[in-house]
Amino acid sequence: MMAKIVHGNNFKGVVDYILDKDKGVQKIAANGLFMENKDTIAMSFNIQSQMNGKVAKPVGHIALSFSKEDEPRLTNHVMAYIALEYMEKMGLRNTQFFIARHFDKEHPHVHIAFNRIGNDGKTISDKNERLRSTRICRELTLKYGLHMAGGKENVKRNRLKEPDRTKYRLYDILKAEVGRCGNWNMLVANLNRQGVEVRFKHKGHTNEVQGVVFTMNGYHFNGSKVDRRFSYSKIDAALLRNRNEERMNLKPNTYTSDMPNASADTARGELFSGGLGLLNGYGSSYNAADAEANQEMEELLRRKKKRKKGLRL
């Protein structure tokens, strides 16, 4: 969830924009306005704004955007509820407003138009509003379990100019390759195939690597400048995790889920035995170590059974 805040001096302009039929608009909440049509809405705003002529920009306009991953959950009712809570936390209360949903973008979003001149004629403060808004958006995103999208994923790549266009293309490539490579040799080879050169920076005249530089389309980027997760140390740690996960996935499955009744040991033993038994037909997958592990597990189960019998006596 993200918010974009704009102030202006033309209520008719913001009303016309938000209620543009070409955007597939749906009004989902309102208060203190004559909602008959665009003209009556703008008139309502203007009349109240005249209570305080000292404010040059009485028009408040906020666009609240959500991730497209959350669209199935975001009914008009839910979006209105979240938008109203956002307004309350921002101190946008005791004033005229309306909220409308647009359907002209891939992601769900609503527009809030409000009067910065409150019902009592006082000005609604905009002090640190962008900092407060960022914090509140994060709070509501976590509270309602909304998708927490990374900032770079939301950037429109086709609107970028160089060198940012190359930088974001490099970000996409690194995100994909670092997630599936198990060592630097593999990563460098995969990057080279996609037109990315890799150079390591060393500490002084030693062999100790302390940084990495990526070159693409003639532009040079330190890894940490592409994104903090792509510093040399963080990429190295990610590659190590990938190797460990790959080794774990190659091991035979051991079933240890607990059963809620007295047959738990028997069921667990059958699952464990069956899990290894499935590999018996493949000579390379089942070895002496597996057999020994199987015997040890069966022995532990027998001992546990005896202890349980002793307790029942």
C-alpha atoms as a PDB file:
ATOM      1  CA  MET A   1       0.000   0.000   0.000  1.00  0.00           C
ATOM      2  CA  MET A   2       1.381   3.401  -1.003  1.00  0.00           C
ATOM      3  CA  ALA A   3       0.034   6.940  -0.932  1.00  0.00           C
ATOM      4  CA  LYS A   4       0.630   9.938  -3.185  1.00  0.00           C
ATOM      5  CA  ILE A   5      -0.411  13.283  -1.706  1.00  0.00           C
ATOM      6  CA  VAL A   6      -1.156  16.413  -3.759  1.00  0.00           C
ATOM      7  CA  HIS A   7      -2.452  19.858  -2.752  1.00  0.00           C
ATOM      8  CA  GLY A   8      -4.132  22.281  -5.133  1.00  0.00           C
ATOM      9  CA  ASN A   9      -6.493  25.218  -5.476  1.00  0.00           C
ATOM     10  CA  ASN A  10      -9.073  23.934  -7.976  1.00  0.00           C
ATOM     11  CA  PHE A  11     -11.807  21.706  -6.550  1.00  0.00           C
ATOM     12  CA  LYS A  12     -13.557  21.389  -9.911  1.00  0.00           C
ATOM     13  CA  GLY A  13     -10.365  20.091 -11.501  1.00  0.00           C
ATOM     14  CA  VAL A  14      -9.818  17.331  -8.931  1.00  0.00           C
ATOM     15  CA  VAL A  15     -13.506  16.347  -8.951  1.00  0.00           C
ATOM     16  CA  ASP A  16     -13.540  16.112 -12.759  1.00  0.00           C
ATOM     17  CA  TYR A  17     -10.364  13.980 -12.715  1.00  0.00           C
ATOM     18  CA  ILE A  18     -11.476  11.553 -10.030  1.00  0.00           C
ATOM     19  CA  LEU A  19     -15.007  11.126 -11.396  1.00  0.00           C
ATOM     20  CA  ASP A  20     -13.928  10.694 -15.021  1.00  0.00           C
ATOM     21  CA  LYS A  21     -16.127   7.910 -16.424  1.00  0.00           C
ATOM     22  CA  ASP A  22     -13.307   6.717 -18.695  1.00  0.00           C
ATOM     23  CA  LYS A  23     -11.502   5.460 -15.569  1.00  0.00           C
ATOM     24  CA  GLY A  24     -14.342   3.097 -14.696  1.00  0.00           C
ATOM     25  CA  VAL A  25     -14.983   5.088 -11.539  1.00  0.00           C
ATOM     26  CA  GLN A  26     -17.072   3.877  -8.595  1.00  0.00           C
ATOM     27  CA  LYS A  27     -17.843   6.147  -5.627  1.00  0.00           C
ATOM     28  CA  ILE A  28     -17.399   4.150  -2.413  1.00  0.00           C
ATOM     29  CA  ALA A  29     -17.626   6.707   0.461  1.00  0.00           C
ATOM     30  CA  ALA A  30     -18.444  10.373   1.053  1.00  0.00           C
ATOM     31  CA  ASN A  31     -19.291  12.855   3.789  1.00  0.00           C
ATOM     32  CA  GLY A  32     -20.536  16.455   3.970  1.00  0.00           C
ATOM     33  CA  LEU A  33     -21.048  16.926   0.216  1.00  0.00           C
ATOM     34  CA  PHE A  34     -23.959  17.246  -2.198  1.00  0.00           C
ATOM     35  CA  MET A  35     -23.147  14.177  -4.285  1.00  0.00           C
ATOM     36  CA  GLU A  36     -25.784  14.726  -7.013  1.00  0.00           C
ATOM     37  CA  ASN A  37     -23.182  15.432  -9.721  1.00  0.00           C
ATOM     38  CA  LYS A  38     -19.687  16.851 -10.286  1.00  0.00           C
ATOM     39  CA  ASP A  39     -20.860  20.446 -10.134  1.00  0.00           C
ATOM     40  CA  THR A  40     -22.681  20.093  -6.805  1.00  0.00           C
ATOM     41  CA  ILE A  41     -19.680  18.297  -5.295  1.00  0.00           C
ATOM     42  CA  ALA A  42     -17.259  21.034  -6.379  1.00  0.00           C
ATOM     43  CA  MET A  43     -19.701  23.709  -5.172  1.00  0.00           C
ATOM     44  CA  SER A  44     -19.887  22.076  -1.739  1.00  0.00           C
ATOM     45  CA  PHE A  45     -16.109  22.062  -1.431  1.00  0.00           C
ATOM     46  CA  ASN A  46     -15.799  25.684  -2.563  1.00  0.00           C
ATOM     47  CA  ILE A  47     -18.415  27.019  -0.144  1.00  0.00           C
ATOM     48  CA  GLN A  48     -16.666  25.484   2.860  1.00  0.00           C
ATOM     49  CA  SER A  49     -13.197  26.576   1.706  1.00  0.00           C
ATOM     50  CA  GLN A  50     -14.397  30.211   1.829  1.00  0.00           C
ATOM     51  CA  MET A  51     -14.549  29.908   5.622  1.00  0.00           C
ATOM     52  CA  ASN A  52     -10.757  30.348   5.585  1.00  0.00           C
ATOM     53  CA  GLY A  53      -9.498  32.411   2.679  1.00  0.00           C
ATOM     54  CA  LYS A  54      -5.911  32.490   3.962  1.00  0.00           C
ATOM     55  CA  VAL A  55      -5.140  28.967   2.661  1.00  0.00           C
ATOM     56  CA  ALA A  56      -3.836  29.159  -0.915  1.00  0.00           C
ATOM     57  CA  LYS A  57      -4.256  25.428  -1.585  1.00  0.00           C
ATOM     58  CA  PRO A  58      -7.368  24.095   0.152  1.00  0.00           C
ATOM     59  CA  VAL A  59      -7.700  21.057  -2.143  1.00  0.00           C
ATOM     60  CA  GLY A  60      -6.501  17.754  -0.739  1.00  0.00           C
ATOM     61  CA  HIS A  61      -6.015  14.803  -3.083  1.00  0.00           C
ATOM     62  CA  ILE A  62      -4.551  11.416  -2.086  1.00  0.00           C
ATOM     63  CA  ALA A  63      -4.169   8.337  -4.280  1.00  0.00           C
ATOM     64  CA  LEU A  64      -3.932   5.082  -2.322  1.00  0.00           C
ATOM     65  CA  SER A  65      -2.434   2.243  -4.379  1.00  0.00           C
ATOM     66  CA  PHE A  66      -2.364  -1.458  -3.547  1.00  0.00           C
ATOM     67  CA  SER A  67      -0.493  -4.392  -5.016  1.00  0.00           C
ATOM     68  CA  LYS A  68      -2.241  -6.312  -7.798  1.00  0.00           C
ATOM     69  CA  GLU A  69      -1.570  -9.502  -5.766  1.00  0.00           C
ATOM     70  CA  ASP A  70      -4.182  -8.266  -3.263  1.00  0.00           C
ATOM     71  CA  GLU A  71      -6.885  -7.561  -5.853  1.00  0.00           C
ATOM     72  CA  PRO A  72      -9.028 -10.673  -5.091  1.00  0.00           C
ATOM     73  CA  ARG A  73      -9.409  -9.489  -1.483  1.00  0.00           C
ATOM     74  CA  LEU A  74      -9.969  -5.801  -2.167  1.00  0.00           C
ATOM     75  CA  THR A  75     -13.693  -5.308  -2.561  1.00  0.00           C
ATOM     76  CA  ASN A  76     -15.038  -1.760  -2.586  1.00  0.00           C
ATOM     77  CA  HIS A  77     -16.136  -2.203   1.028  1.00  0.00           C
ATOM     78  CA  VAL A  78     -12.659  -3.316   2.149  1.00  0.00           C
ATOM     79  CA  MET A  79     -10.895  -0.533   0.262  1.00  0.00           C
ATOM     80  CA  ALA A  80     -13.251   2.083   1.717  1.00  0.00           C
ATOM     81  CA  TYR A  81     -12.642   0.724   5.221  1.00  0.00           C
ATOM     82  CA  ILE A  82      -8.848   0.877   4.817  1.00  0.00           C
ATOM     83  CA  ALA A  83      -8.983   4.338   3.227  1.00  0.00           C
ATOM     84  CA  LEU A  84     -11.122   5.681   6.085  1.00  0.00           C
ATOM     85  CA  GLU A  85      -8.717   4.250   8.655  1.00  0.00           C
ATOM     86  CA  TYR A  86      -5.822   5.839   6.771  1.00  0.00           C
ATOM     87  CA  MET A  87      -7.608   9.211   6.880  1.00  0.00           C
ATOM     88  CA  GLU A  88      -8.301   8.885  10.596  1.00  0.00           C
ATOM     89  CA  LYS A  89      -4.656   8.113  11.366  1.00  0.00           C
ATOM     90  CA  MET A  90      -3.563  11.028   9.172  1.00  0.00           C
ATOM     91  CA  GLY A  91      -5.817  13.416  11.116  1.00  0.00           C
ATOM     92  CA  LEU A  92      -8.094  14.033   8.117  1.00  0.00           C
ATOM     93  CA  ARG A  93     -11.266  14.193  10.157  1.00  0.00           C
ATOM     94  CA  ASN A  94     -14.142  16.648  10.668  1.00  0.00           C
ATOM     95  CA  THR A  95     -14.066  17.727   7.038  1.00  0.00           C
ATOM     96  CA  GLN A  96     -15.699  17.098   3.660  1.00  0.00           C
ATOM     97  CA  PHE A  97     -14.443  14.222   1.510  1.00  0.00           C
ATOM     98  CA  PHE A  98     -15.328  11.567  -0.996  1.00  0.00           C
ATOM     99  CA  ILE A  99     -13.516   8.365  -1.997  1.00  0.00           C
ATOM    100  CA  ALA A 100     -13.724   6.784  -5.450  1.00  0.00           C
ATOM    101  CA  ARG A 101     -12.183   3.664  -6.930  1.00  0.00           C
ATOM    102  CA  HIS A 102     -10.598   3.606 -10.391  1.00  0.00           C
ATOM    103  CA  PHE A 103     -10.206   0.617 -12.709  1.00  0.00           C
ATOM    104  CA  ASP A 104      -7.864   2.108 -15.300  1.00  0.00           C
ATOM    105  CA  LYS A 105      -4.635   0.532 -13.963  1.00  0.00           C
ATOM    106  CA  GLU A 106      -3.420  -3.009 -13.323  1.00  0.00           C
ATOM    107  CA  HIS A 107      -3.243  -2.440  -9.577  1.00  0.00           C
ATOM    108  CA  PRO A 108      -6.218  -1.604  -7.329  1.00  0.00           C
ATOM    109  CA  HIS A 109      -6.312   2.030  -6.223  1.00  0.00           C
ATOM    110  CA  VAL A 110      -8.637   4.660  -4.804  1.00  0.00           C
ATOM    111  CA  HIS A 111      -8.612   8.454  -4.850  1.00  0.00           C
ATOM    112  CA  ILE A 112      -9.494  10.587  -1.839  1.00  0.00           C
ATOM    113  CA  ALA A 113     -10.576  14.201  -2.366  1.00  0.00           C
ATOM    114  CA  PHE A 114     -10.914  16.230   0.818  1.00  0.00           C
ATOM    115  CA  ASN A 115     -11.216  19.808   1.978  1.00  0.00           C
ATOM    116  CA  ARG A 116      -8.183  21.080   3.884  1.00  0.00           C
ATOM    117  CA  ILE A 117     -10.557  23.577   5.494  1.00  0.00           C
ATOM    118  CA  GLY A 118     -12.395  21.656   8.191  1.00  0.00           C
ATOM    119  CA  ASN A 119     -16.048  21.915   9.125  1.00  0.00           C
ATOM    120  CA  ASP A 120     -15.045  24.359  11.871  1.00  0.00           C
ATOM    121  CA  GLY A 121     -13.153  26.627   9.464  1.00  0.00           C
ATOM    122  CA  LYS A 122      -9.744  25.554  10.763  1.00  0.00           C
ATOM    123  CA  THR A 123      -6.941  24.364   8.490  1.00  0.00           C
ATOM    124  CA  ILE A 124      -6.043  20.678   8.601  1.00  0.00           C
ATOM    125  CA  SER A 125      -2.308  20.526   9.259  1.00  0.00           C
ATOM    126  CA  ASP A 126      -0.014  19.073   6.626  1.00  0.00           C
ATOM    127  CA  LYS A 127       3.068  19.056   8.889  1.00  0.00           C
ATOM    128  CA  ASN A 128       5.331  16.079   8.075  1.00  0.00           C
ATOM    129  CA  GLU A 129       2.413  14.552   6.197  1.00  0.00           C
ATOM    130  CA  ARG A 130       4.553  12.514   3.797  1.00  0.00           C
ATOM    131  CA  LEU A 131       6.624  10.976   6.578  1.00  0.00           C
ATOM    132  CA  ARG A 132       3.483  10.216   8.555  1.00  0.00           C
ATOM    133  CA  SER A 133       1.805   8.790   5.478  1.00  0.00           C
ATOM    134  CA  THR A 134       4.704   6.417   4.754  1.00  0.00           C
ATOM    135  CA  ARG A 135       4.613   5.112   8.326  1.00  0.00           C
ATOM    136  CA  ILE A 136       0.828   4.707   8.332  1.00  0.00           C
ATOM    137  CA  CYS A 137       0.809   2.907   4.976  1.00  0.00           C
ATOM    138  CA  ARG A 138       3.315   0.426   6.334  1.00  0.00           C
ATOM    139  CA  GLU A 139       1.281  -0.070   9.520  1.00  0.00           C
ATOM    140  CA  LEU A 140      -1.913  -0.762   7.580  1.00  0.00           C
ATOM    141  CA  THR A 141      -0.114  -3.045   5.114  1.00  0.00           C
ATOM    142  CA  LEU A 142       1.109  -5.181   8.021  1.00  0.00           C
ATOM    143  CA  LYS A 143      -2.170  -4.970   9.934  1.00  0.00           C
ATOM    144  CA  TYR A 144      -4.270  -6.261   7.042  1.00  0.00           C
ATOM    145  CA  GLY A 145      -1.686  -8.698   5.679  1.00  0.00           C
ATOM    146  CA  LEU A 146      -1.352  -6.853   2.379  1.00  0.00           C
ATOM    147  CA  HIS A 147       1.407  -7.575  -0.092  1.00  0.00           C
ATOM    148  CA  MET A 148       4.640  -5.776   0.817  1.00  0.00           C
ATOM    149  CA  ALA A 149       6.060  -5.048  -2.613  1.00  0.00           C
ATOM    150  CA  GLY A 150       9.642  -3.953  -3.000  1.00  0.00           C
ATOM    151  CA  GLY A 151      10.123  -0.468  -4.315  1.00  0.00           C
ATOM    152  CA  LYS A 152      12.058  -1.530  -7.407  1.00  0.00           C
ATOM    153  CA  GLU A 153       9.345  -3.987  -8.473  1.00  0.00           C
ATOM    154  CA  ASN A 154       6.909  -1.069  -8.779  1.00  0.00           C
ATOM    155  CA  VAL A 155       9.097   1.054 -11.051  1.00  0.00           C
ATOM    156  CA  LYS A 156       7.838   1.361 -14.641  1.00  0.00           C
ATOM    157  CA  ARG A 157      10.895   0.189 -16.590  1.00  0.00           C
ATOM    158  CA  ASN A 158       9.750   1.608 -19.938  1.00  0.00           C
ATOM    159  CA  ARG A 159       9.701   5.141 -18.512  1.00  0.00           C
ATOM    160  CA  LEU A 160      13.318   5.091 -17.346  1.00  0.00           C
ATOM    161  CA  LYS A 161      16.235   6.821 -19.048  1.00  0.00           C
ATOM    162  CA  GLU A 162      19.844   5.678 -19.046  1.00  0.00           C
ATOM    163  CA  PRO A 163      21.697   4.721 -16.951  1.00  0.00           C
ATOM    164  CA  ASP A 164      18.687   3.902 -14.731  1.00  0.00           C
ATOM    165  CA  ARG A 165      17.130   1.731 -17.431  1.00  0.00           C
ATOM    166  CA  THR A 166      20.227  -0.495 -17.502  1.00  0.00           C
ATOM    167  CA  LYS A 167      20.484  -0.453 -13.714  1.00  0.00           C
ATOM    168  CA  TYR A 168      16.956  -1.769 -13.268  1.00  0.00           C
ATOM    169  CA  ARG A 169      17.430  -4.348 -16.015  1.00  0.00           C
ATOM    170  CA  LEU A 170      20.554  -5.496 -14.161  1.00  0.00           C
ATOM    171  CA  TYR A 171      18.531  -5.640 -10.935  1.00  0.00           C
ATOM    172  CA  ASP A 172      16.001  -7.981 -12.569  1.00  0.00           C
ATOM    173  CA  ILE A 173      18.758 -10.240 -13.926  1.00  0.00           C
ATOM    174  CA  LEU A 174      20.612 -10.428 -10.606  1.00  0.00           C
ATOM    175  CA  LYS A 175      17.411 -11.121  -8.689  1.00  0.00           C
ATOM    176  CA  ALA A 176      16.713 -14.147 -10.895  1.00  0.00           C
ATOM    177  CA  GLU A 177      20.266 -15.526 -11.137  1.00  0.00           C
ATOM    178  CA  VAL A 178      21.399 -15.090  -7.527  1.00  0.00           C
ATOM    179  CA  GLY A 179      18.301 -16.984  -6.446  1.00  0.00           C
ATOM    180  CA  ARG A 180      19.169 -20.094  -8.468  1.00  0.00           C
ATOM    181  CA  CYS A 181      22.985 -20.287  -8.567  1.00  0.00           C
ATOM    182  CA  GLY A 182      25.079 -22.232  -6.086  1.00  0.00           C
ATOM    183  CA  ASN A 183      28.493 -20.646  -6.613  1.00  0.00           C
ATOM    184  CA  TRP A 184      30.237 -17.657  -8.150  1.00  0.00           C
ATOM    185  CA  ASN A 185      31.458 -19.534 -11.231  1.00  0.00           C
ATOM    186  CA  MET A 186      27.909 -20.473 -12.173  1.00  0.00           C
ATOM    187  CA  LEU A 187      26.607 -16.985 -11.440  1.00  0.00           C
ATOM    188  CA  VAL A 188      29.330 -15.264 -13.488  1.00  0.00           C
ATOM    189  CA  ALA A 189      28.765 -17.629 -16.434  1.00  0.00           C
ATOM    190  CA  ASN A 190      24.990 -17.023 -16.400  1.00  0.00           C
ATOM    191  CA  LEU A 191      25.490 -13.261 -16.178  1.00  0.00           C
ATOM    192  CA  ASN A 192      28.011 -13.272 -19.036  1.00  0.00           C
ATOM    193  CA  ARG A 193      25.460 -15.005 -21.265  1.00  0.00           C
ATOM    194  CA  GLN A 194      23.091 -12.090 -20.642  1.00  0.00           C
ATOM    195  CA  GLY A 195      25.629  -9.390 -21.412  1.00  0.00           C
ATOM    196  CA  VAL A 196      26.753  -8.676 -17.859  1.00  0.00           C
ATOM    197  CA  GLU A 197      30.464  -8.593 -17.010  1.00  0.00           C
ATOM    198  CA  VAL A 198      31.643  -9.195 -13.453  1.00  0.00           C
ATOM    199  CA  ARG A 199      34.742  -7.755 -11.801  1.00  0.00           C
ATOM    200  CA  PHE A 200      35.844  -8.286  -8.206  1.00  0.00           C
ATOM    201  CA  LYS A 201      37.430  -5.593  -6.060  1.00  0.00           C
ATOM    202  CA  HIS A 202      40.218  -6.748  -3.733  1.00  0.00           C
ATOM    203  CA  LYS A 203      41.485  -5.342  -0.467  1.00  0.00           C
ATOM    204  CA  GLY A 204      44.761  -3.562  -1.204  1.00  0.00           C
ATOM    205  CA  HIS A 205      47.175  -5.887  -2.995  1.00  0.00           C
ATOM    206  CA  THR A 206      45.726  -9.030  -1.362  1.00  0.00           C
ATOM    207  CA  ASN A 207      43.477 -11.762  -2.728  1.00  0.00           C
ATOM    208  CA  GLU A 208      40.741 -10.873  -0.248  1.00  0.00           C
ATOM    209  CA  VAL A 209      37.588  -9.883  -2.159  1.00  0.00           C
ATOM    210  CA  GLN A 210      35.716  -6.953  -0.669  1.00  0.00           C
ATOM    211  CA  GLY A 211      33.395  -5.896  -3.474  1.00  0.00           C
ATOM    212  CA  VAL A 212      31.903  -6.656  -6.866  1.00  0.00           C
ATOM    213  CA  VAL A 213      31.280  -4.456  -9.918  1.00  0.00           C
ATOM    214  CA  PHE A 214      28.811  -5.296 -12.693  1.00  0.00           C
ATOM    215  CA  THR A 215      29.140  -3.843 -16.194  1.00  0.00           C
ATOM    216  CA  MET A 216      26.242  -3.788 -18.652  1.00  0.00           C
ATOM    217  CA  ASN A 217      25.688  -1.691 -21.792  1.00  0.00           C
ATOM    218  CA  GLY A 218      28.866   0.207 -20.997  1.00  0.00           C
ATOM    219  CA  TYR A 219      27.673   1.286 -17.522  1.00  0.00           C
ATOM    220  CA  HIS A 220      29.464   0.205 -14.327  1.00  0.00           C
ATOM    221  CA  PHE A 221      27.584  -0.457 -11.074  1.00  0.00           C
ATOM    222  CA  ASN A 222      28.840  -1.513  -7.673  1.00  0.00           C
ATOM    223  CA  GLY A 223      26.713  -4.415  -6.490  1.00  0.00           C
ATOM    224  CA  SER A 224      25.430  -2.543  -3.429  1.00  0.00           C
ATOM    225  CA  LYS A 225      24.402   0.393  -5.647  1.00  0.00           C
ATOM    226  CA  VAL A 226      22.150  -1.861  -7.724  1.00  0.00           C
ATOM    227  CA  ASP A 227      20.520  -2.985  -4.478  1.00  0.00           C
ATOM    228  CA  ARG A 228      21.787  -3.594  -0.951  1.00  0.00           C
ATOM    229  CA  ARG A 229      21.128  -7.316  -1.312  1.00  0.00           C
ATOM    230  CA  PHE A 230      23.651  -7.456  -4.170  1.00  0.00           C
ATOM    231  CA  SER A 231      26.772  -6.431  -2.273  1.00  0.00           C
ATOM    232  CA  TYR A 232      29.551  -9.001  -2.539  1.00  0.00           C
ATOM    233  CA  SER A 233      29.058 -10.302   1.007  1.00  0.00           C
ATOM    234  CA  LYS A 234      25.276 -10.677   0.646  1.00  0.00           C
ATOM    235  CA  ILE A 235      25.505 -12.411  -2.721  1.00  0.00           C
ATOM    236  CA  ASP A 236      28.152 -14.748  -1.286  1.00  0.00           C
ATOM    237  CA  ALA A 237      25.862 -15.582   1.640  1.00  0.00           C
ATOM    238  CA  ALA A 238      22.915 -16.175  -0.733  1.00  0.00           C
ATOM    239  CA  LEU A 239      24.979 -18.567  -2.884  1.00  0.00           C
ATOM    240  CA  LEU A 240      26.002 -20.480   0.240  1.00  0.00           C
ATOM    241  CA  ARG A 241      22.362 -20.815   1.295  1.00  0.00           C
ATOM    242  CA  ASN A 242      21.483 -22.104  -2.170  1.00  0.00           C
ATOM    243  CA  ARG A 243      24.189 -24.782  -1.906  1.00  0.00           C
ATOM    244  CA  ASN A 244      23.014 -25.868   1.532  1.00  0.00           C
ATOM    245  CA  GLU A 245      19.388 -26.062   0.391  1.00  0.00           C
ATOM    246  CA  GLU A 246      20.402 -28.108  -2.637  1.00  0.00           C
ATOM    247  CA  ARG A 247      22.271 -30.582  -0.439  1.00  0.00           C
ATOM    248  CA  MET A 248      19.287 -30.851   1.904  1.00  0.00           C
ATOM    249  CA  ASN A 249      16.949 -31.549  -0.997  1.00  0.00           C
ATOM    250  CA  LEU A 250      19.150 -34.440  -2.133  1.00  0.00           C
ATOM    251  CA  LYS A 251      18.785 -36.250   1.219  1.00  0.00           C
ATOM    252  CA  PRO A 252      16.069 -38.944   1.700  1.00  0.00           C
ATOM    253  CA  ASN A 253      12.923 -37.632   3.344  1.00  0.00           C
ATOM    254  CA  THR A 254      12.479 -38.499   7.020  1.00  0.00           C
ATOM    255  CA  TYR A 255       8.915 -38.265   8.267  1.00  0.00           C
ATOM    256  CA  THR A 256       8.601 -37.130  11.865  1.00  0.00           C
ATOM    257  CA  SER A 257       5.101 -35.652  12.024  1.00  0.00           C
ATOM    258  CA  ASP A 258       3.391 -36.437  15.338  1.00  0.00           C
ATOM    259  CA  MET A 259       0.177 -38.472  15.462  1.00  0.00           C
ATOM    260  CA  PRO A 260      -2.422 -37.580  18.111  1.00  0.00           C
ATOM    261  CA  ASN A 261      -3.080 -41.134  19.344  1.00  0.00           C
ATOM    262  CA  ALA A 262      -1.405 -44.266  20.749  1.00  0.00           C
ATOM    263  CA  SER A 263      -0.497 -45.572  17.272  1.00  0.00           C
ATOM    264  CA  ALA A 264       1.873 -42.662  16.690  1.00  0.00           C
ATOM    265  CA  ASP A 265       5.058 -44.719  16.958  1.00  0.00           C
ATOM    266  CA  THR A 266       3.785 -47.408  14.598  1.00  0.00           C
ATOM    267  CA  ALA A 267       2.576 -44.909  12.045  1.00  0.00           C
ATOM    268  CA  ARG A 268       5.793 -42.911  12.246  1.00  0.00           C
ATOM    269  CA  GLY A 269       7.829 -46.071  11.836  1.00  0.00           C
ATOM    270  CA  GLU A 270       5.830 -47.131   8.789  1.00  0.00           C
ATOM    271  CA  LEU A 271       6.176 -43.715   7.199  1.00  0.00           C
ATOM    272  CA  PHE A 272       9.916 -43.642   7.806  1.00  0.00           C
ATOM    273  CA  SER A 273      10.419 -47.178   6.580  1.00  0.00           C
ATOM    274  CA  GLY A 274       8.232 -46.586   3.561  1.00  0.00           C
ATOM    275  CA  GLY A 275      10.049 -43.373   2.727  1.00  0.00           C
ATOM    276  CA  LEU A 276      13.379 -45.172   2.508  1.00  0.00           C
ATOM    277  CA  GLY A 277      11.833 -48.226   0.923  1.00  0.00           C
ATOM    278  CA  LEU A 278      10.741 -46.155  -2.056  1.00  0.00           C
ATOM    279  CA  LEU A 279      14.397 -45.530  -2.789  1.00  0.00           C
ATOM    280  CA  ASN A 280      15.383 -49.184  -2.509  1.00  0.00           C
ATOM    281  CA  GLY A 281      14.918 -49.815  -6.200  1.00  0.00           C
ATOM    282  CA  TYR A 282      17.529 -47.209  -7.081  1.00  0.00           C
ATOM    283  CA  GLY A 283      20.952 -48.452  -6.076  1.00  0.00           C
ATOM    284  CA  SER A 284      22.620 -45.047  -6.042  1.00  0.00           C
ATOM    285  CA  SER A 285      20.011 -43.520  -3.726  1.00  0.00           C
ATOM    286  CA  TYR A 286      20.097 -46.121  -0.938  1.00  0.00           C
ATOM    287  CA  ASN A 287      23.379 -46.987   0.756  1.00  0.00           C
ATOM    288  CA  ALA A 288      24.837 -48.411   3.964  1.00  0.00           C
ATOM    289  CA  ALA A 289      24.487 -45.078   5.742  1.00  0.00           C
ATOM    290  CA  ASP A 290      20.756 -45.038   4.975  1.00  0.00           C
ATOM    291  CA  ALA A 291      20.355 -48.588   6.246  1.00  0.00           C
ATOM    292  CA  GLU A 292      22.186 -47.753   9.451  1.00  0.00           C
ATOM    293  CA  ALA A 293      20.050 -44.660   9.969  1.00  0.00           C
ATOM    294  CA  ASN A 294      16.939 -46.746   9.423  1.00  0.00           C
ATOM    295  CA  GLN A 295      18.028 -49.308  12.034  1.00  0.00           C
ATOM    296  CA  GLU A 296      18.849 -46.564  14.530  1.00  0.00           C
ATOM    297  CA  MET A 297      15.440 -44.992  14.076  1.00  0.00           C
ATOM    298  CA  GLU A 298      13.652 -48.328  14.524  1.00  0.00           C
ATOM    299  CA  GLU A 299      15.676 -49.002  17.668  1.00  0.00           C
ATOM    300  CA  LEU A 300      14.717 -45.566  19.072  1.00  0.00           C
ATOM    301  CA  LEU A 301      11.069 -46.287  18.341  1.00  0.00           C
ATOM    302  CA  ARG A 302      11.256 -49.661  20.115  1.00  0.00           C
ATOM    303  CA  ARG A 303      12.819 -48.043  23.187  1.00  0.00           C
ATOM    304  CA  LYS A 304      10.204 -45.329  23.231  1.00  0.00           C
ATOM    305  CA  LYS A 305       7.469 -47.976  23.060  1.00  0.00           C
ATOM    306  CA  LYS A 306       8.956 -49.838  26.021  1.00  0.00           C
ATOM    307  CA  ARG A 307       9.096 -46.636  28.080  1.00  0.00           C
ATOM    308  CA  LYS A 308       5.431 -45.963  27.333  1.00  0.00           C
ATOM    309  CA  LYS A 309       4.483 -49.517  28.387  1.00  0.00           C
ATOM    310  CA  GLY A 310       6.430 -49.068  31.629  1.00  0.00           C
ATOM    311  CA  LEU A 311       4.534 -45.853  32.384  1.00  0.00           C
ATOM    312  CA  ARG A 312       1.151 -47.577  31.815  1.00  0.00           C
ATOM    313  CA  LEU A 313       2.128 -50.296  34.308  1.00  0.00           C
END
